[in-house]
């Protein structure tokens, strides 16, 4: 798999020059990324879903909305999390708005 470009270069400069086949480099890079992402960064979770939910997930994958079932589930969880953050922010705005209405004399004029 490994090969030296030129023995003359090695003897003259004492530097080894290695050339790797592109397919080997790409395969090893993909392997490294998969190990890093799926084994180190992202723990696995197992869950049970109804037959209807599974058919719906498969339909979305076939339609190209998601790359895989896992991608669909990750995206749905991320959207739910974002919705919860938005809801929390909205509640905070409503609370501050109520406080401003009750204590309008304490507000600083903009002009």
N, C-alpha and C. Protein backbone atom coordinates (compact mmCIF):
# COMPACT_ATOMS: atom_id res chain seq x y z
N UNK A 1 0.81 -1.18 0.00
CA UNK A 1 0.00 0.00 0.00
C UNK A 1 0.86 1.26 0.00
N UNK A 2 1.91 1.31 0.78
CA UNK A 2 2.80 2.47 0.82
C UNK A 2 3.91 2.26 -0.20
N UNK A 3 4.37 3.33 -0.80
CA UNK A 3 5.52 3.21 -1.69
C UNK A 3 6.36 4.47 -1.62
N UNK A 4 7.64 4.32 -1.89
CA UNK A 4 8.57 5.44 -1.87
C UNK A 4 8.64 6.00 -3.28
N UNK A 5 8.59 7.34 -3.38
CA UNK A 5 8.63 7.96 -4.70
C UNK A 5 9.98 7.75 -5.37
N UNK A 6 11.04 8.01 -4.67
CA UNK A 6 12.35 7.94 -5.31
C UNK A 6 13.41 7.58 -4.28
N UNK A 7 14.15 6.52 -4.54
CA UNK A 7 15.24 6.15 -3.64
C UNK A 7 16.35 7.18 -3.73
N UNK A 8 16.52 7.76 -4.89
CA UNK A 8 17.55 8.78 -5.05
C UNK A 8 17.28 9.96 -4.12
N UNK A 9 15.99 10.39 -4.04
CA UNK A 9 15.63 11.48 -3.13
C UNK A 9 15.90 11.09 -1.69
N UNK A 10 15.64 9.84 -1.37
CA UNK A 10 15.87 9.40 0.01
C UNK A 10 17.35 9.48 0.36
N UNK A 11 18.19 8.96 -0.53
CA UNK A 11 19.62 8.94 -0.22
C UNK A 11 20.25 10.33 -0.26
N UNK A 12 19.72 11.20 -1.11
CA UNK A 12 20.32 12.53 -1.21
C UNK A 12 19.84 13.47 -0.09
N UNK A 13 18.58 13.38 0.27
CA UNK A 13 18.07 14.35 1.24
C UNK A 13 17.69 13.71 2.58
N UNK A 14 17.71 12.42 2.66
CA UNK A 14 17.34 11.68 3.86
C UNK A 14 15.88 11.95 4.27
N UNK A 15 15.04 12.24 3.29
CA UNK A 15 13.62 12.47 3.55
C UNK A 15 12.83 11.38 2.83
N UNK A 16 11.96 10.74 3.58
CA UNK A 16 11.09 9.74 2.97
C UNK A 16 9.89 10.44 2.35
N UNK A 17 9.54 10.08 1.16
CA UNK A 17 8.37 10.64 0.49
C UNK A 17 7.41 9.49 0.23
N UNK A 18 6.25 9.58 0.82
CA UNK A 18 5.27 8.52 0.69
C UNK A 18 4.10 9.00 -0.15
N UNK A 19 3.58 8.13 -0.97
CA UNK A 19 2.41 8.44 -1.77
C UNK A 19 1.37 7.37 -1.46
N UNK A 20 0.18 7.83 -1.11
CA UNK A 20 -0.91 6.91 -0.82
C UNK A 20 -1.94 6.98 -1.92
N UNK A 21 -2.52 5.86 -2.27
CA UNK A 21 -3.60 5.89 -3.27
C UNK A 21 -4.79 6.69 -2.74
N UNK A 22 -5.43 7.42 -3.62
CA UNK A 22 -6.53 8.32 -3.23
C UNK A 22 -7.67 7.53 -2.59
N UNK A 23 -8.01 6.39 -3.18
CA UNK A 23 -9.12 5.62 -2.63
C UNK A 23 -8.82 5.15 -1.20
N UNK A 24 -7.57 4.84 -0.92
CA UNK A 24 -7.18 4.44 0.44
C UNK A 24 -7.36 5.60 1.40
N UNK A 25 -6.91 6.78 1.00
CA UNK A 25 -7.02 7.96 1.86
C UNK A 25 -8.48 8.28 2.13
N UNK A 26 -9.32 8.26 1.10
CA UNK A 26 -10.74 8.56 1.28
C UNK A 26 -11.42 7.53 2.17
N UNK A 27 -11.09 6.25 1.95
CA UNK A 27 -11.69 5.19 2.76
C UNK A 27 -11.30 5.34 4.23
N UNK A 28 -10.03 5.61 4.48
CA UNK A 28 -9.57 5.76 5.86
C UNK A 28 -10.16 7.02 6.50
N UNK A 29 -10.30 8.09 5.71
CA UNK A 29 -10.88 9.32 6.24
C UNK A 29 -12.34 9.09 6.63
N UNK A 30 -13.10 8.42 5.75
CA UNK A 30 -14.51 8.13 6.06
C UNK A 30 -14.60 7.24 7.30
N UNK A 31 -13.71 6.27 7.41
CA UNK A 31 -13.70 5.41 8.57
C UNK A 31 -13.45 6.22 9.84
N UNK A 32 -12.46 7.12 9.79
CA UNK A 32 -12.15 7.95 10.94
C UNK A 32 -13.34 8.83 11.32
N UNK A 33 -13.97 9.45 10.34
CA UNK A 33 -15.12 10.32 10.60
C UNK A 33 -16.25 9.52 11.22
N UNK A 34 -16.54 8.34 10.67
CA UNK A 34 -17.61 7.51 11.22
C UNK A 34 -17.32 7.10 12.66
N UNK A 35 -16.10 6.70 12.94
CA UNK A 35 -15.74 6.32 14.30
C UNK A 35 -15.88 7.52 15.22
N UNK A 36 -15.38 8.66 14.80
CA UNK A 36 -15.41 9.86 15.64
C UNK A 36 -16.84 10.30 15.90
N UNK A 37 -17.65 10.39 14.84
CA UNK A 37 -19.00 10.92 14.98
C UNK A 37 -19.91 9.93 15.69
N UNK A 38 -19.89 8.67 15.26
CA UNK A 38 -20.89 7.74 15.76
C UNK A 38 -20.47 7.00 17.03
N UNK A 39 -19.19 6.91 17.31
CA UNK A 39 -18.76 6.18 18.50
C UNK A 39 -18.34 7.10 19.64
N UNK A 40 -17.75 8.25 19.32
CA UNK A 40 -17.23 9.13 20.35
C UNK A 40 -18.21 10.25 20.67
N UNK A 41 -18.69 10.93 19.64
CA UNK A 41 -19.49 12.13 19.84
C UNK A 41 -20.96 11.81 20.09
N UNK A 42 -21.51 10.86 19.35
CA UNK A 42 -22.95 10.60 19.41
C UNK A 42 -23.23 9.24 20.03
N UNK A 43 -23.75 9.23 21.25
CA UNK A 43 -24.13 7.94 21.83
C UNK A 43 -25.37 7.39 21.12
N UNK A 44 -25.56 6.10 21.22
CA UNK A 44 -26.69 5.45 20.57
C UNK A 44 -27.85 5.34 21.53
N UNK A 45 -29.08 5.47 20.99
CA UNK A 45 -30.29 5.32 21.77
C UNK A 45 -31.20 4.35 21.02
N UNK A 46 -31.79 3.45 21.75
CA UNK A 46 -32.71 2.51 21.14
C UNK A 46 -34.11 2.85 21.59
N UNK A 47 -35.08 2.82 20.66
CA UNK A 47 -36.45 3.15 21.01
C UNK A 47 -37.41 2.28 20.22
N UNK A 48 -38.61 2.21 20.70
CA UNK A 48 -39.67 1.47 20.01
C UNK A 48 -40.70 2.46 19.51
N UNK A 49 -41.16 2.26 18.29
CA UNK A 49 -42.20 3.12 17.71
C UNK A 49 -43.28 2.22 17.11
N UNK A 50 -44.44 2.79 16.95
CA UNK A 50 -45.55 2.03 16.37
C UNK A 50 -45.29 1.78 14.89
N UNK A 51 -46.02 0.86 14.34
CA UNK A 51 -45.89 0.51 12.92
C UNK A 51 -46.23 1.72 12.04
N UNK A 52 -47.23 2.49 12.46
CA UNK A 52 -47.63 3.68 11.69
C UNK A 52 -46.51 4.72 11.66
N UNK A 53 -45.87 4.94 12.82
CA UNK A 53 -44.76 5.91 12.87
C UNK A 53 -43.60 5.45 11.99
N UNK A 54 -43.34 4.16 12.02
CA UNK A 54 -42.25 3.63 11.20
C UNK A 54 -42.54 3.80 9.72
N UNK A 55 -43.79 3.55 9.32
CA UNK A 55 -44.17 3.75 7.91
C UNK A 55 -44.04 5.22 7.52
N UNK A 56 -44.42 6.12 8.44
CA UNK A 56 -44.30 7.55 8.18
C UNK A 56 -42.84 7.96 8.02
N UNK A 57 -41.98 7.46 8.91
CA UNK A 57 -40.54 7.75 8.79
C UNK A 57 -39.99 7.25 7.46
N UNK A 58 -40.35 6.02 7.09
CA UNK A 58 -39.88 5.46 5.82
C UNK A 58 -40.39 6.26 4.63
N UNK A 59 -41.63 6.74 4.71
CA UNK A 59 -42.19 7.56 3.64
C UNK A 59 -41.40 8.86 3.48
N UNK A 60 -41.06 9.50 4.62
CA UNK A 60 -40.29 10.74 4.56
C UNK A 60 -38.90 10.50 3.98
N UNK A 61 -38.31 9.37 4.32
CA UNK A 61 -36.98 9.04 3.78
C UNK A 61 -37.09 8.81 2.27
N UNK A 62 -38.11 8.08 1.83
CA UNK A 62 -38.30 7.83 0.40
C UNK A 62 -38.55 9.12 -0.38
N UNK A 63 -39.27 10.05 0.24
CA UNK A 63 -39.55 11.34 -0.41
C UNK A 63 -38.33 12.25 -0.44
N UNK A 64 -37.29 11.87 0.29
CA UNK A 64 -36.08 12.67 0.30
C UNK A 64 -36.07 13.78 1.34
N UNK A 65 -37.04 13.77 2.22
CA UNK A 65 -37.08 14.79 3.28
C UNK A 65 -35.95 14.59 4.27
N UNK A 66 -35.56 13.33 4.46
CA UNK A 66 -34.47 12.97 5.37
C UNK A 66 -33.58 11.94 4.69
N UNK A 67 -32.33 11.85 5.14
CA UNK A 67 -31.40 10.89 4.57
C UNK A 67 -31.65 9.49 5.10
N UNK A 68 -32.11 9.39 6.34
CA UNK A 68 -32.32 8.09 6.97
C UNK A 68 -33.32 8.24 8.11
N UNK A 69 -33.71 7.12 8.68
CA UNK A 69 -34.60 7.17 9.84
C UNK A 69 -33.92 7.92 10.99
N UNK A 70 -32.65 7.63 11.20
CA UNK A 70 -31.92 8.29 12.28
C UNK A 70 -31.87 9.80 12.07
N UNK A 71 -31.63 10.21 10.82
CA UNK A 71 -31.60 11.63 10.50
C UNK A 71 -32.96 12.27 10.80
N UNK A 72 -34.04 11.57 10.45
CA UNK A 72 -35.38 12.09 10.71
C UNK A 72 -35.61 12.28 12.21
N UNK A 73 -35.24 11.28 12.99
CA UNK A 73 -35.46 11.37 14.44
C UNK A 73 -34.61 12.47 15.05
N UNK A 74 -33.34 12.59 14.62
CA UNK A 74 -32.48 13.67 15.13
C UNK A 74 -33.06 15.03 14.79
N UNK A 75 -33.54 15.20 13.55
CA UNK A 75 -34.10 16.48 13.12
C UNK A 75 -35.36 16.82 13.89
N UNK A 76 -36.22 15.83 14.10
CA UNK A 76 -37.46 16.06 14.84
C UNK A 76 -37.15 16.49 16.27
N UNK A 77 -36.18 15.83 16.90
CA UNK A 77 -35.80 16.20 18.27
C UNK A 77 -35.23 17.62 18.30
N UNK A 78 -34.38 17.96 17.31
CA UNK A 78 -33.80 19.30 17.26
C UNK A 78 -34.89 20.36 17.07
N UNK A 79 -35.87 20.07 16.22
CA UNK A 79 -36.97 21.03 16.01
C UNK A 79 -37.82 21.19 17.27
N UNK A 80 -38.05 20.09 17.96
CA UNK A 80 -38.80 20.17 19.21
C UNK A 80 -38.05 21.02 20.23
N UNK A 81 -36.74 20.80 20.32
CA UNK A 81 -35.92 21.59 21.24
C UNK A 81 -35.98 23.08 20.90
N UNK A 82 -35.90 23.40 19.61
CA UNK A 82 -35.98 24.79 19.18
C UNK A 82 -37.34 25.39 19.52
N UNK A 83 -38.39 24.61 19.34
CA UNK A 83 -39.74 25.07 19.67
C UNK A 83 -39.86 25.36 21.16
N UNK A 84 -39.28 24.50 21.99
CA UNK A 84 -39.33 24.72 23.43
C UNK A 84 -38.56 25.99 23.82
N UNK A 85 -37.42 26.24 23.19
CA UNK A 85 -36.67 27.47 23.45
C UNK A 85 -37.49 28.69 23.05
N UNK A 86 -38.17 28.61 21.91
CA UNK A 86 -39.01 29.72 21.44
C UNK A 86 -40.16 29.96 22.41
N UNK A 87 -40.78 28.87 22.88
CA UNK A 87 -41.88 29.00 23.83
C UNK A 87 -41.41 29.65 25.13
N UNK A 88 -40.24 29.25 25.60
CA UNK A 88 -39.68 29.83 26.83
C UNK A 88 -39.39 31.33 26.63
N UNK A 89 -38.85 31.69 25.48
CA UNK A 89 -38.57 33.10 25.18
C UNK A 89 -39.87 33.90 25.10
N UNK A 90 -40.89 33.33 24.48
CA UNK A 90 -42.19 34.00 24.37
C UNK A 90 -42.79 34.25 25.75
N UNK A 91 -42.70 33.25 26.64
CA UNK A 91 -43.22 33.42 28.01
C UNK A 91 -42.48 34.54 28.74
N UNK A 92 -41.17 34.62 28.54
CA UNK A 92 -40.37 35.68 29.17
C UNK A 92 -40.80 37.05 28.62
N UNK A 93 -41.03 37.14 27.31
CA UNK A 93 -41.48 38.41 26.72
C UNK A 93 -42.85 38.82 27.28
N UNK A 94 -43.77 37.86 27.40
CA UNK A 94 -45.09 38.18 27.95
C UNK A 94 -44.97 38.67 29.39
N UNK A 95 -44.11 38.03 30.18
CA UNK A 95 -43.92 38.43 31.57
C UNK A 95 -43.37 39.85 31.64
N UNK A 96 -42.37 40.14 30.83
CA UNK A 96 -41.78 41.48 30.82
C UNK A 96 -42.77 42.52 30.32
N UNK A 97 -43.58 42.14 29.37
CA UNK A 97 -44.58 43.07 28.85
C UNK A 97 -45.60 43.40 29.93
N UNK A 98 -46.01 42.37 30.68
CA UNK A 98 -46.95 42.59 31.80
C UNK A 98 -46.32 43.50 32.85
N UNK A 99 -45.04 43.24 33.17
CA UNK A 99 -44.34 44.07 34.15
C UNK A 99 -44.24 45.51 33.67
N UNK A 100 -44.01 45.69 32.37
CA UNK A 100 -43.91 47.05 31.83
C UNK A 100 -45.24 47.78 31.91
N UNK A 101 -46.34 47.05 31.66
CA UNK A 101 -47.67 47.66 31.76
C UNK A 101 -47.98 48.06 33.20
N UNK A 102 -47.59 47.22 34.14
CA UNK A 102 -47.87 47.50 35.55
C UNK A 102 -46.99 48.63 36.08
N UNK A 103 -45.78 48.71 35.62
CA UNK A 103 -44.83 49.72 36.12
C UNK A 103 -44.41 50.67 34.99
N UNK A 104 -45.39 51.21 34.30
CA UNK A 104 -45.07 52.05 33.13
C UNK A 104 -44.35 53.33 33.53
N UNK A 105 -44.47 53.77 34.78
CA UNK A 105 -43.78 54.98 35.23
C UNK A 105 -42.25 54.76 35.34
N UNK A 106 -41.85 53.52 35.51
CA UNK A 106 -40.42 53.21 35.65
C UNK A 106 -39.70 53.09 34.31
N UNK A 107 -40.47 53.08 33.22
CA UNK A 107 -39.86 52.92 31.90
C UNK A 107 -39.13 54.17 31.48
N UNK A 108 -38.05 53.99 30.75
CA UNK A 108 -37.26 55.12 30.24
C UNK A 108 -37.78 55.45 28.85
N UNK A 109 -38.14 56.70 28.60
CA UNK A 109 -38.62 57.06 27.26
C UNK A 109 -37.54 56.90 26.21
N UNK A 110 -37.94 56.49 25.01
CA UNK A 110 -36.99 56.27 23.91
C UNK A 110 -36.55 57.57 23.26
N UNK A 111 -37.34 58.60 23.35
CA UNK A 111 -36.98 59.86 22.69
C UNK A 111 -36.36 60.85 23.63
